[in-house]
PDB file of N, CA and C in Angstrom:
ATOM      1  N   MET A   1       9.575  41.493 -39.585  1.00  0.00           N
ATOM      2  CA  MET A   1      10.803  41.017 -39.394  1.00  0.00           C
ATOM      3  C   MET A   1      12.216  41.919 -39.329  1.00  0.00           C
ATOM      4  N   ARG A   2      12.554  41.847 -40.506  1.00  0.00           N
ATOM      5  CA  ARG A   2      13.610  42.499 -40.845  1.00  0.00           C
ATOM      6  C   ARG A   2      13.665  44.262 -39.868  1.00  0.00           C
ATOM      7  N   CYS A   3      12.121  44.948 -40.095  1.00  0.00           N
ATOM      8  CA  CYS A   3      11.562  46.167 -39.395  1.00  0.00           C
ATOM      9  C   CYS A   3      12.442  45.610 -37.641  1.00  0.00           C
ATOM     10  N   LEU A   4      12.021  44.545 -37.241  1.00  0.00           N
ATOM     11  CA  LEU A   4      11.953  44.933 -35.872  1.00  0.00           C
ATOM     12  C   LEU A   4      13.730  44.604 -35.661  1.00  0.00           C
ATOM     13  N   LEU A   5      14.223  44.158 -36.277  1.00  0.00           N
ATOM     14  CA  LEU A   5      15.756  43.412 -36.263  1.00  0.00           C
ATOM     15  C   LEU A   5      16.132  44.815 -36.175  1.00  0.00           C
ATOM     16  N   ILE A   6      16.381  45.752 -36.779  1.00  0.00           N
ATOM     17  CA  ILE A   6      16.602  47.078 -37.273  1.00  0.00           C
ATOM     18  C   ILE A   6      16.491  47.887 -36.093  1.00  0.00           C
ATOM     19  N   HIS A   7      15.200  48.141 -35.517  1.00  0.00           N
ATOM     20  CA  HIS A   7      15.070  48.618 -34.349  1.00  0.00           C
ATOM     21  C   HIS A   7      15.542  48.263 -32.606  1.00  0.00           C
ATOM     22  N   LEU A   8      15.612  46.416 -33.007  1.00  0.00           N
ATOM     23  CA  LEU A   8      16.856  45.845 -31.773  1.00  0.00           C
ATOM     24  C   LEU A   8      17.916  46.324 -31.889  1.00  0.00           C
ATOM     25  N   ILE A   9      18.339  46.854 -33.165  1.00  0.00           N
ATOM     26  CA  ILE A   9      20.567  47.029 -33.776  1.00  0.00           C
ATOM     27  C   ILE A   9      20.191  48.809 -33.035  1.00  0.00           C
ATOM     28  N   LEU A  10      19.510  49.468 -33.325  1.00  0.00           N
ATOM     29  CA  LEU A  10      19.576  50.903 -33.190  1.00  0.00           C
ATOM     30  C   LEU A  10      18.925  50.523 -31.719  1.00  0.00           C
ATOM     31  N   TRP A  11      18.518  50.280 -31.318  1.00  0.00           N
ATOM     32  CA  TRP A  11      18.037  50.214 -29.518  1.00  0.00           C
ATOM     33  C   TRP A  11      19.078  49.810 -28.624  1.00  0.00           C
ATOM     34  N   SER A  12      19.786  49.084 -29.109  1.00  0.00           N
ATOM     35  CA  SER A  12      20.986  48.397 -28.276  1.00  0.00           C
ATOM     36  C   SER A  12      21.840  49.851 -28.501  1.00  0.00           C
ATOM     37  N   GLY A  13      21.853  49.459 -29.724  1.00  0.00           N
ATOM     38  CA  GLY A  13      23.157  50.993 -29.730  1.00  0.00           C
ATOM     39  C   GLY A  13      22.613  52.610 -29.016  1.00  0.00           C
ATOM     40  N   LEU A  14      22.108  52.809 -29.130  1.00  0.00           N
ATOM     41  CA  LEU A  14      21.236  54.188 -28.238  1.00  0.00           C
ATOM     42  C   LEU A  14      21.717  53.879 -26.564  1.00  0.00           C
ATOM     43  N   THR A  15      21.383  53.012 -26.138  1.00  0.00           N
ATOM     44  CA  THR A  15      21.448  52.592 -25.084  1.00  0.00           C
ATOM     45  C   THR A  15      23.123  52.126 -24.480  1.00  0.00           C
ATOM     46  N   SER A  16      23.369  52.175 -25.431  1.00  0.00           N
ATOM     47  CA  SER A  16      25.342  52.122 -24.724  1.00  0.00           C
ATOM     48  C   SER A  16      25.620  53.599 -25.310  1.00  0.00           C
ATOM     49  N   LEU A  17      25.134  54.593 -25.728  1.00  0.00           N
ATOM     50  CA  LEU A  17      25.886  56.280 -25.294  1.00  0.00           C
ATOM     51  C   LEU A  17      26.079  56.533 -24.050  1.00  0.00           C
ATOM     52  N   PRO A  18      27.246  57.013 -23.777  1.00  0.00           N
ATOM     53  CA  PRO A  18      27.094  57.473 -22.639  1.00  0.00           C
ATOM     54  C   PRO A  18      26.259  58.535 -22.353  1.00  0.00           C
ATOM     55  N   GLY A  19      25.525  59.384 -22.358  1.00  0.00           N
ATOM     56  CA  GLY A  19      24.483  60.712 -22.302  1.00  0.00           C
ATOM     57  C   GLY A  19      23.702  59.360 -21.692  1.00  0.00           C
ATOM     58  N   LEU A  20      23.203  58.272 -22.456  1.00  0.00           N
ATOM     59  CA  LEU A  20      22.157  57.824 -22.059  1.00  0.00           C
ATOM     60  C   LEU A  20      22.198  56.105 -20.587  1.00  0.00           C
ATOM     61  N   ALA A  21      23.028  55.973 -20.582  1.00  0.00           N
ATOM     62  CA  ALA A  21      23.306  55.242 -19.435  1.00  0.00           C
ATOM     63  C   ALA A  21      22.788  55.715 -18.301  1.00  0.00           C
ATOM     64  N   GLN A  22      21.929  54.044 -17.922  1.00  0.00           N
ATOM     65  CA  GLN A  22      21.151  54.755 -17.146  1.00  0.00           C
ATOM     66  C   GLN A  22      21.748  55.023 -15.284  1.00  0.00           C
ATOM     67  N   GLN A  23      20.912  55.696 -15.194  1.00  0.00           N
ATOM     68  CA  GLN A  23      21.749  56.031 -13.446  1.00  0.00           C
ATOM     69  C   GLN A  23      21.550  54.884 -12.565  1.00  0.00           C
ATOM     70  N   PRO A  24      22.320  54.984 -11.514  1.00  0.00           N
ATOM     71  CA  PRO A  24      22.252  53.908 -10.380  1.00  0.00           C
ATOM     72  C   PRO A  24      21.415  54.253  -9.546  1.00  0.00           C
ATOM     73  N   ARG A  25      19.989  53.563  -9.114  1.00  0.00           N
ATOM     74  CA  ARG A  25      19.196  54.299  -8.363  1.00  0.00           C
ATOM     75  C   ARG A  25      19.651  53.640  -6.543  1.00  0.00           C
ATOM     76  N   LEU A  26      18.939  55.399  -6.703  1.00  0.00           N
ATOM     77  CA  LEU A  26      19.196  55.738  -4.817  1.00  0.00           C
ATOM     78  C   LEU A  26      18.346  55.513  -4.282  1.00  0.00           C
ATOM     79  N   ASP A  27      19.085  54.790  -3.308  1.00  0.00           N
ATOM     80  CA  ASP A  27      17.832  54.138  -1.936  1.00  0.00           C
ATOM     81  C   ASP A  27      17.911  55.078  -0.959  1.00  0.00           C
ATOM     82  N   CYS A  28      16.831  55.615  -0.672  1.00  0.00           N
ATOM     83  CA  CYS A  28      16.620  56.707   0.513  1.00  0.00           C
ATOM     84  C   CYS A  28      15.765  56.209   1.896  1.00  0.00           C
ATOM     85  N   SER A  29      16.846  55.007   2.113  1.00  0.00           N
ATOM     86  CA  SER A  29      15.335  54.015   3.387  1.00  0.00           C
ATOM     87  C   SER A  29      15.878  53.955   4.481  1.00  0.00           C
ATOM     88  N   SER A  30      17.427  55.059   4.663  1.00  0.00           N
ATOM     89  CA  SER A  30      18.295  54.967   6.261  1.00  0.00           C
ATOM     90  C   SER A  30      17.095  55.808   7.065  1.00  0.00           C
ATOM     91  N   GLY A  31      17.081  55.213   8.036  1.00  0.00           N
ATOM     92  CA  GLY A  31      16.292  56.168   9.228  1.00  0.00           C
ATOM     93  C   GLY A  31      15.246  55.587   9.240  1.00  0.00           C
ATOM     94  N   PRO A  32      14.399  55.876   9.646  1.00  0.00           N
ATOM     95  CA  PRO A  32      14.149  57.548   9.726  1.00  0.00           C
ATOM     96  C   PRO A  32      14.198  57.551  11.354  1.00  0.00           C
ATOM     97  N   LEU A  33      14.890  59.619  11.602  1.00  0.00           N
ATOM     98  CA  LEU A  33      15.028  60.343  12.159  1.00  0.00           C
ATOM     99  C   LEU A  33      13.541  60.958  12.763  1.00  0.00           C
ATOM    100  N   PRO A  34      12.732  61.318  13.281  1.00  0.00           N
ATOM    101  CA  PRO A  34      11.966  62.369  13.647  1.00  0.00           C
ATOM    102  C   PRO A  34      12.444  63.608  13.912  1.00  0.00           C
ATOM    103  N   ARG A  35      12.068  64.009  13.458  1.00  0.00           N
ATOM    104  CA  ARG A  35      12.708  65.885  13.063  1.00  0.00           C
ATOM    105  C   ARG A  35      11.344  66.859  13.303  1.00  0.00           C
ATOM    106  N   THR A  36      11.353  68.098  13.670  1.00  0.00           N
ATOM    107  CA  THR A  36      10.851  69.085  13.751  1.00  0.00           C
ATOM    108  C   THR A  36      10.723  70.339  12.616  1.00  0.00           C
ATOM    109  N   TYR A  37       9.940  70.942  11.656  1.00  0.00           N
ATOM    110  CA  TYR A  37      10.699  71.958  11.218  1.00  0.00           C
ATOM    111  C   TYR A  37       9.396  72.422  10.492  1.00  0.00           C
ATOM    112  N   GLY A  38       9.259  73.696  10.837  1.00  0.00           N
ATOM    113  CA  GLY A  38       8.800  74.357  10.432  1.00  0.00           C
ATOM    114  C   GLY A  38       7.383  73.947  11.586  1.00  0.00           C
ATOM    115  N   ALA A  39       7.475  73.827  12.988  1.00  0.00           N
ATOM    116  CA  ALA A  39       6.543  73.429  14.017  1.00  0.00           C
ATOM    117  C   ALA A  39       5.530  72.234  13.512  1.00  0.00           C
ATOM    118  N   THR A  40       6.425  71.264  12.390  1.00  0.00           N
ATOM    119  CA  THR A  40       5.295  70.050  12.238  1.00  0.00           C
ATOM    120  C   THR A  40       6.648  69.178  12.042  1.00  0.00           C
ATOM    121  N   PRO A  41       5.976  68.076  12.724  1.00  0.00           N
ATOM    122  CA  PRO A  41       6.401  66.782  12.017  1.00  0.00           C
ATOM    123  C   PRO A  41       7.385  66.257  11.045  1.00  0.00           C
ATOM    124  N   TRP A  42       8.412  65.761  10.872  1.00  0.00           N
ATOM    125  CA  TRP A  42       8.959  64.894   9.800  1.00  0.00           C
ATOM    126  C   TRP A  42       9.480  63.659  10.076  1.00  0.00           C
ATOM    127  N   LEU A  43       9.986  63.336   9.001  1.00  0.00           N
ATOM    128  CA  LEU A  43      10.757  62.017   8.721  1.00  0.00           C
ATOM    129  C   LEU A  43      11.852  62.030   8.072  1.00  0.00           C
ATOM    130  N   VAL A  44      12.835  62.103   8.323  1.00  0.00           N
ATOM    131  CA  VAL A  44      13.978  62.591   7.954  1.00  0.00           C
ATOM    132  C   VAL A  44      14.863  60.914   7.557  1.00  0.00           C
ATOM    133  N   TYR A  45      15.104  60.682   6.199  1.00  0.00           N
ATOM    134  CA  TYR A  45      16.016  59.388   5.460  1.00  0.00           C
ATOM    135  C   TYR A  45      17.078  59.719   4.354  1.00  0.00           C
ATOM    136  N   GLY A  46      18.320  58.991   5.388  1.00  0.00           N
ATOM    137  CA  GLY A  46      19.461  58.893   4.760  1.00  0.00           C
ATOM    138  C   GLY A  46      19.828  58.546   3.411  1.00  0.00           C
ATOM    139  N   CYS A  47      19.817  58.705   2.190  1.00  0.00           N
ATOM    140  CA  CYS A  47      20.180  58.059   1.246  1.00  0.00           C
ATOM    141  C   CYS A  47      21.437  57.130   0.696  1.00  0.00           C
ATOM    142  N   SER A  48      21.521  56.329  -0.267  1.00  0.00           N
ATOM    143  CA  SER A  48      22.419  55.267  -0.593  1.00  0.00           C
ATOM    144  C   SER A  48      23.999  56.482  -0.989  1.00  0.00           C
ATOM    145  N   ASP A  49      23.812  57.164  -1.864  1.00  0.00           N
ATOM    146  CA  ASP A  49      24.851  57.890  -2.281  1.00  0.00           C
ATOM    147  C   ASP A  49      25.748  58.639  -0.996  1.00  0.00           C
ATOM    148  N   GLY A  50      25.043  57.941   0.332  1.00  0.00           N
ATOM    149  CA  GLY A  50      25.777  59.602   1.873  1.00  0.00           C
ATOM    150  C   GLY A  50      25.972  60.590   1.696  1.00  0.00           C
ATOM    151  N   LYS A  51      24.965  61.375   0.631  1.00  0.00           N
ATOM    152  CA  LYS A  51      25.019  62.721   0.049  1.00  0.00           C
ATOM    153  C   LYS A  51      23.558  63.354   0.492  1.00  0.00           C
ATOM    154  N   SER A  52      22.656  62.467  -0.357  1.00  0.00           N
ATOM    155  CA  SER A  52      20.889  63.176   0.062  1.00  0.00           C
ATOM    156  C   SER A  52      20.576  62.568   1.182  1.00  0.00           C
ATOM    157  N   VAL A  53      19.803  63.565   0.958  1.00  0.00           N
ATOM    158  CA  VAL A  53      18.291  63.015   2.549  1.00  0.00           C
ATOM    159  C   VAL A  53      17.309  63.698   1.414  1.00  0.00           C
ATOM    160  N   VAL A  54      16.200  62.892   2.460  1.00  0.00           N
ATOM    161  CA  VAL A  54      14.728  63.359   2.027  1.00  0.00           C
ATOM    162  C   VAL A  54      13.826  63.106   3.311  1.00  0.00           C
ATOM    163  N   VAL A  55      13.135  64.358   3.278  1.00  0.00           N
ATOM    164  CA  VAL A  55      12.474  64.720   4.527  1.00  0.00           C
ATOM    165  C   VAL A  55      10.881  64.576   4.157  1.00  0.00           C
ATOM    166  N   VAL A  56      10.319  63.907   4.828  1.00  0.00           N
ATOM    167  CA  VAL A  56       8.905  63.281   4.454  1.00  0.00           C
ATOM    168  C   VAL A  56       7.999  64.079   5.837  1.00  0.00           C
ATOM    169  N   THR A  57       6.079  63.779   5.084  1.00  0.00           N
ATOM    170  CA  THR A  57       5.939  64.137   6.239  1.00  0.00           C
ATOM    171  C   THR A  57       5.694  63.035   7.034  1.00  0.00           C
ATOM    172  N   ASP A  58       4.674  63.228   8.680  1.00  0.00           N
ATOM    173  CA  ASP A  58       4.595  62.316   8.844  1.00  0.00           C
ATOM    174  C   ASP A  58       3.307  61.813   8.774  1.00  0.00           C
ATOM    175  N   GLY A  59       2.859  60.495   9.381  1.00  0.00           N
ATOM    176  CA  GLY A  59       1.662  60.277   8.109  1.00  0.00           C
ATOM    177  C   GLY A  59       0.518  61.078   9.036  1.00  0.00           C
ATOM    178  N   ALA A  60       0.766  61.400  10.329  1.00  0.00           N
ATOM    179  CA  ALA A  60      -0.972  62.029  10.345  1.00  0.00           C
ATOM    180  C   ALA A  60      -0.812  63.589  10.816  1.00  0.00           C
ATOM    181  N   SER A  61       0.638  64.244   9.787  1.00  0.00           N
ATOM    182  CA  SER A  61       0.614  65.860   9.651  1.00  0.00           C
ATOM    183  C   SER A  61      -0.034  66.678   8.727  1.00  0.00           C
ATOM    184  N   ARG A  62      -0.959  67.895   9.030  1.00  0.00           N
ATOM    185  CA  ARG A  62      -1.476  68.290   7.910  1.00  0.00           C
ATOM    186  C   ARG A  62      -0.403  68.683   7.636  1.00  0.00           C
ATOM    187  N   ALA A  63       0.475  68.659   6.799  1.00  0.00           N
ATOM    188  CA  ALA A  63       2.020  69.161   5.686  1.00  0.00           C
ATOM    189  C   ALA A  63       1.884  67.911   5.048  1.00  0.00           C
ATOM    190  N   ALA A  64       0.662  66.692   5.374  1.00  0.00           N
ATOM    191  CA  ALA A  64       1.311  65.852   4.146  1.00  0.00           C
ATOM    192  C   ALA A  64      -0.265  65.530   3.289  1.00  0.00           C
ATOM    193  N   PRO A  65       0.283  64.973   1.943  1.00  0.00           N
ATOM    194  CA  PRO A  65       1.781  64.528   1.442  1.00  0.00           C
ATOM    195  C   PRO A  65       2.267  65.403   0.882  1.00  0.00           C
ATOM    196  N   PHE A  66       3.648  65.432   1.329  1.00  0.00           N
ATOM    197  CA  PHE A  66       4.964  66.687   0.691  1.00  0.00           C
ATOM    198  C   PHE A  66       6.576  65.717   1.262  1.00  0.00           C
ATOM    199  N   TYR A  67       7.352  65.975   0.672  1.00  0.00           N
ATOM    200  CA  TYR A  67       8.387  65.576   0.406  1.00  0.00           C
ATOM    201  C   TYR A  67       9.190  66.490   0.331  1.00  0.00           C
ATOM    202  N   PHE A  68      10.832  66.675   0.783  1.00  0.00           N
ATOM    203  CA  PHE A  68      11.658  67.473   0.534  1.00  0.00           C
ATOM    204  C   PHE A  68      12.525  66.741   0.011  1.00  0.00           C
ATOM    205  N   MET A  69      13.760  66.876  -0.239  1.00  0.00           N
ATOM    206  CA  MET A  69      15.062  66.448  -0.442  1.00  0.00           C
ATOM    207  C   MET A  69      16.193  67.181  -0.936  1.00  0.00           C
ATOM    208  N   PHE A  70      17.475  67.119  -0.692  1.00  0.00           N
ATOM    209  CA  PHE A  70      18.397  67.481  -0.315  1.00  0.00           C
ATOM    210  C   PHE A  70      19.319  66.729  -0.873  1.00  0.00           C
ATOM    211  N   PHE A  71      20.467  67.694  -2.117  1.00  0.00           N
ATOM    212  CA  PHE A  71      20.763  65.950  -3.186  1.00  0.00           C
ATOM    213  C   PHE A  71      22.161  67.508  -3.832  1.00  0.00           C
ATOM    214  N   PRO A  72      23.022  67.030  -3.983  1.00  0.00           N
ATOM    215  CA  PRO A  72      24.635  67.542  -4.085  1.00  0.00           C
ATOM    216  C   PRO A  72      24.159  67.563  -5.791  1.00  0.00           C
ATOM    217  N   LYS A  73      24.314  68.794  -6.102  1.00  0.00           N
ATOM    218  CA  LYS A  73      24.926  69.637  -7.511  1.00  0.00           C
ATOM    219  C   LYS A  73      25.668  70.450  -7.727  1.00  0.00           C
ATOM    220  N   ASP A  74      27.407  70.047  -8.502  1.00  0.00           N
ATOM    221  CA  ASP A  74      27.661  70.908  -8.824  1.00  0.00           C
ATOM    222  C   ASP A  74      28.739  72.005  -7.413  1.00  0.00           C
ATOM    223  N   GLY A  75      28.672  70.727  -6.779  1.00  0.00           N
ATOM    224  CA  GLY A  75      29.065  71.249  -5.205  1.00  0.00           C
ATOM    225  C   GLY A  75      28.496  72.224  -4.561  1.00  0.00           C
ATOM    226  N   LYS A  76      27.081  71.788  -4.350  1.00  0.00           N
ATOM    227  CA  LYS A  76      26.345  72.946  -3.642  1.00  0.00           C
ATOM    228  C   LYS A  76      25.336  72.037  -3.635  1.00  0.00           C
ATOM    229  N   TYR A  77      25.129  71.753  -1.806  1.00  0.00           N
ATOM    230  CA  TYR A  77      23.157  71.442  -1.816  1.00  0.00           C
ATOM    231  C   TYR A  77      22.171  71.662  -2.546  1.00  0.00           C
ATOM    232  N   GLN A  78      20.899  71.011  -3.088  1.00  0.00           N
ATOM    233  CA  GLN A  78      19.598  71.475  -4.238  1.00  0.00           C
ATOM    234  C   GLN A  78      18.783  71.002  -3.000  1.00  0.00           C
ATOM    235  N   LEU A  79      17.947  71.801  -2.730  1.00  0.00           N
ATOM    236  CA  LEU A  79      16.792  71.643  -1.653  1.00  0.00           C
ATOM    237  C   LEU A  79      15.374  71.236  -3.334  1.00  0.00           C
ATOM    238  N   VAL A  80      14.696  70.449  -3.310  1.00  0.00           N
ATOM    239  CA  VAL A  80      13.279  70.849  -3.997  1.00  0.00           C
ATOM    240  C   VAL A  80      12.334  70.255  -2.522  1.00  0.00           C
ATOM    241  N   GLY A  81      11.197  70.504  -3.561  1.00  0.00           N
ATOM    242  CA  GLY A  81       9.958  70.025  -2.860  1.00  0.00           C
ATOM    243  C   GLY A  81       9.107  69.690  -3.923  1.00  0.00           C
ATOM    244  N   GLU A  82       8.143  68.344  -2.528  1.00  0.00           N
ATOM    245  CA  GLU A  82       6.688  68.368  -4.058  1.00  0.00           C
ATOM    246  C   GLU A  82       5.663  67.439  -2.910  1.00  0.00           C
ATOM    247  N   GLY A  83       4.820  67.859  -3.246  1.00  0.00           N
ATOM    248  CA  GLY A  83       3.507  67.454  -2.027  1.00  0.00           C
ATOM    249  C   GLY A  83       1.906  68.196  -2.673  1.00  0.00           C
ATOM    250  N   THR A  84       0.956  67.626  -2.032  1.00  0.00           N
ATOM    251  CA  THR A  84      -0.313  68.828  -1.686  1.00  0.00           C
ATOM    252  C   THR A  84      -0.287  69.075  -0.475  1.00  0.00           C
ATOM    253  N   GLY A  85       0.383  69.129   0.612  1.00  0.00           N
ATOM    254  CA  GLY A  85       0.022  69.381   2.085  1.00  0.00           C
ATOM    255  C   GLY A  85      -0.205  70.994   1.866  1.00  0.00           C
ATOM    256  N   SER A  86      -0.673  71.069   3.161  1.00  0.00           N
ATOM    257  CA  SER A  86      -0.702  72.728   3.413  1.00  0.00           C
ATOM    258  C   SER A  86       0.559  73.527   3.270  1.00  0.00           C
ATOM    259  N   LYS A  87       0.197  74.290   2.747  1.00  0.00           N
ATOM    260  CA  LYS A  87       1.531  75.460   1.785  1.00  0.00           C
ATOM    261  C   LYS A  87       1.711  76.284   2.867  1.00  0.00           C
ATOM    262  N   PRO A  88       1.080  76.876   3.606  1.00  0.00           N
ATOM    263  CA  PRO A  88       1.861  77.617   4.725  1.00  0.00           C
ATOM    264  C   PRO A  88       2.580  76.502   6.032  1.00  0.00           C
ATOM    265  N   LEU A  89       1.966  75.209   5.975  1.00  0.00           N
ATOM    266  CA  LEU A  89       3.061  74.053   6.820  1.00  0.00           C
ATOM    267  C   LEU A  89       4.071  73.720   6.103  1.00  0.00           C
ATOM    268  N   THR A  90       3.994  73.493   5.104  1.00  0.00           N
ATOM    269  CA  THR A  90       4.962  72.913   4.092  1.00  0.00           C
ATOM    270  C   THR A  90       6.306  74.484   3.699  1.00  0.00           C
ATOM    271  N   ASP A  91       5.241  75.550   3.808  1.00  0.00           N
ATOM    272  CA  ASP A  91       6.241  76.632   3.112  1.00  0.00           C
ATOM    273  C   ASP A  91       7.524  76.567   4.774  1.00  0.00           C
ATOM    274  N   ARG A  92       6.593  77.055   6.039  1.00  0.00           N
ATOM    275  CA  ARG A  92       7.294  77.273   7.293  1.00  0.00           C
ATOM    276  C   ARG A  92       8.570  76.574   7.302  1.00  0.00           C
ATOM    277  N   ALA A  93       7.684  74.697   6.778  1.00  0.00           N
ATOM    278  CA  ALA A  93       9.399  74.119   6.875  1.00  0.00           C
ATOM    279  C   ALA A  93      10.514  74.143   6.096  1.00  0.00           C
ATOM    280  N   HIS A  94      10.076  74.455   5.049  1.00  0.00           N
ATOM    281  CA  HIS A  94      11.159  75.229   3.159  1.00  0.00           C
ATOM    282  C   HIS A  94      11.631  76.310   4.512  1.00  0.00           C
ATOM    283  N   ALA A  95      11.542  77.299   4.844  1.00  0.00           N
ATOM    284  CA  ALA A  95      12.002  78.231   5.293  1.00  0.00           C
ATOM    285  C   ALA A  95      13.377  77.894   6.349  1.00  0.00           C
ATOM    286  N   GLU A  96      12.876  76.772   7.105  1.00  0.00           N
ATOM    287  CA  GLU A  96      14.137  75.892   8.117  1.00  0.00           C
ATOM    288  C   GLU A  96      15.347  75.757   7.062  1.00  0.00           C
ATOM    289  N   LEU A  97      14.383  74.524   6.691  1.00  0.00           N
ATOM    290  CA  LEU A  97      15.482  73.870   5.636  1.00  0.00           C
ATOM    291  C   LEU A  97      16.338  74.083   4.699  1.00  0.00           C
ATOM    292  N   VAL A  98      16.167  75.305   4.242  1.00  0.00           N
ATOM    293  CA  VAL A  98      17.327  76.017   3.193  1.00  0.00           C
ATOM    294  C   VAL A  98      17.946  76.961   4.494  1.00  0.00           C
ATOM    295  N   ARG A  99      18.159  76.940   5.389  1.00  0.00           N
ATOM    296  CA  ARG A  99      18.885  77.528   6.411  1.00  0.00           C
ATOM    297  C   ARG A  99      20.168  76.378   6.472  1.00  0.00           C
ATOM    298  N   LEU A 100      19.426  75.061   6.730  1.00  0.00           N
ATOM    299  CA  LEU A 100      20.210  73.844   6.939  1.00  0.00           C
ATOM    300  C   LEU A 100      22.047  74.226   6.002  1.00  0.00           C
ATOM    301  N   THR A 101      23.072  73.880   6.915  1.00  0.00           N
ATOM    302  CA  THR A 101      24.576  74.007   6.075  1.00  0.00           C
ATOM    303  C   THR A 101      24.600  72.386   5.522  1.00  0.00           C
ATOM    304  N   ASP A 102      26.118  72.646   4.660  1.00  0.00           N
ATOM    305  CA  ASP A 102      26.543  71.047   4.251  1.00  0.00           C
ATOM    306  C   ASP A 102      26.645  70.316   5.406  1.00  0.00           C
ATOM    307  N   GLN A 103      27.049  70.929   6.679  1.00  0.00           N
ATOM    308  CA  GLN A 103      27.817  70.162   7.696  1.00  0.00           C
ATOM    309  C   GLN A 103      26.536  69.477   8.755  1.00  0.00           C
ATOM    310  N   ASP A 104      25.130  70.331   8.358  1.00  0.00           N
ATOM    311  CA  ASP A 104      23.938  69.852   8.729  1.00  0.00           C
ATOM    312  C   ASP A 104      23.246  69.243   8.218  1.00  0.00           C
ATOM    313  N   ILE A 105      23.097  68.524   6.888  1.00  0.00           N
ATOM    314  CA  ILE A 105      22.950  67.934   6.033  1.00  0.00           C
ATOM    315  C   ILE A 105      23.557  66.633   6.118  1.00  0.00           C
ATOM    316  N   ALA A 106      25.294  66.588   6.054  1.00  0.00           N
ATOM    317  CA  ALA A 106      25.924  65.615   6.309  1.00  0.00           C
ATOM    318  C   ALA A 106      25.461  64.849   7.439  1.00  0.00           C
ATOM    319  N   GLN A 107      25.471  65.512   8.724  1.00  0.00           N
ATOM    320  CA  GLN A 107      24.684  65.263  10.291  1.00  0.00           C
ATOM    321  C   GLN A 107      23.584  64.100   9.762  1.00  0.00           C
ATOM    322  N   LEU A 108      22.338  64.388   9.194  1.00  0.00           N
ATOM    323  CA  LEU A 108      21.433  63.789   9.133  1.00  0.00           C
ATOM    324  C   LEU A 108      21.680  62.351   8.674  1.00  0.00           C
ATOM    325  N   VAL A 109      22.212  62.192   7.140  1.00  0.00           N
ATOM    326  CA  VAL A 109      22.634  61.645   6.892  1.00  0.00           C
ATOM    327  C   VAL A 109      23.879  60.683   7.774  1.00  0.00           C
ATOM    328  N   SER A 110      24.273  60.525   8.482  1.00  0.00           N
ATOM    329  CA  SER A 110      25.289  60.019   9.208  1.00  0.00           C
ATOM    330  C   SER A 110      24.039  59.327  10.408  1.00  0.00           C
ATOM    331  N   GLU A 111      23.177  60.405  10.676  1.00  0.00           N
ATOM    332  CA  GLU A 111      21.946  59.926  12.109  1.00  0.00           C
ATOM    333  C   GLU A 111      21.026  58.590  11.905  1.00  0.00           C
ATOM    334  N   ALA A 112      20.933  59.124  10.301  1.00  0.00           N
ATOM    335  CA  ALA A 112      20.185  58.266   9.962  1.00  0.00           C
ATOM    336  C   ALA A 112      20.598  56.829   9.205  1.00  0.00           C
ATOM    337  N   ARG A 113      21.654  56.743   9.158  1.00  0.00           N
ATOM    338  CA  ARG A 113      22.466  55.607   8.828  1.00  0.00           C
ATOM    339  C   ARG A 113      22.523  54.908  10.092  1.00  0.00           C
ATOM    340  N   LYS A 114      23.104  55.664  11.039  1.00  0.00           N
ATOM    341  CA  LYS A 114      23.184  54.536  12.592  1.00  0.00           C
ATOM    342  C   LYS A 114      21.718  54.571  12.887  1.00  0.00           C
ATOM    343  N   VAL A 115      20.749  54.824  12.826  1.00  0.00           N
ATOM    344  CA  VAL A 115      19.190  54.601  12.830  1.00  0.00           C
ATOM    345  C   VAL A 115      19.193  53.172  12.062  1.00  0.00           C
ATOM    346  N   SER A 116      19.302  53.028  10.955  1.00  0.00           N
ATOM    347  CA  SER A 116      19.260  51.863  10.253  1.00  0.00           C
ATOM    348  C   SER A 116      19.886  50.564  11.163  1.00  0.00           C
ATOM    349  N   ALA A 117      21.657  51.024  11.503  1.00  0.00           N
ATOM    350  CA  ALA A 117      22.137  49.826  11.414  1.00  0.00           C
ATOM    351  C   ALA A 117      21.785  49.658  13.470  1.00  0.00           C
ATOM    352  N   SER A 118      20.961  50.026  13.656  1.00  0.00           N
ATOM    353  CA  SER A 118      21.014  50.084  15.794  1.00  0.00           C
ATOM    354  C   SER A 118      19.156  49.365  15.035  1.00  0.00           C
ATOM    355  N   LYS A 119      18.406  49.309  13.830  1.00  0.00           N
ATOM    356  CA  LYS A 119      17.568  48.216  14.159  1.00  0.00           C
ATOM    357  C   LYS A 119      18.136  46.487  14.016  1.00  0.00           C
ATOM    358  N   PRO A 120      16.678  45.698  14.571  1.00  0.00           N
ATOM    359  CA  PRO A 120      17.102  44.595  14.353  1.00  0.00           C
ATOM    360  C   PRO A 120      16.934  43.757  13.160  1.00  0.00           C
ATOM    361  N   ALA A 121      17.635  42.973  12.699  1.00  0.00           N
ATOM    362  CA  ALA A 121      17.837  42.430  11.458  1.00  0.00           C
ATOM    363  C   ALA A 121      16.227  41.723  11.109  1.00  0.00           C
ATOM    364  N   LYS A 122      15.314  41.765  10.206  1.00  0.00           N
ATOM    365  CA  LYS A 122      13.960  41.102   9.995  1.00  0.00           C
ATOM    366  C   LYS A 122      14.710  39.320   9.720  1.00  0.00           C
TER     367      LYS A 122
END
């Protein structure tokens, strides 16, 4: 029992440290916007931070499963991607996505929000 109490005290102290605080969850459900990158259909979703965007393969695409994500870091956008879809198709999409400007990405976030706002409530 004493060991359990010490463990709980240490755990509660560690979780209150600033570096270990849990980040808020990022909701990327605004959208989807159908788009084509690298001659392949993709679905674009805006995220709750108002800055990040997720680009996922359309279900029937040979590039599936794959996703890309733009997110701001140190004042500029980073692009990451992951999946096991067709590498030539995802490489072509990546080549187009890396050319998007900050303004292009902000426009995608804005358009995704408009799509979500126009959907009827369930």
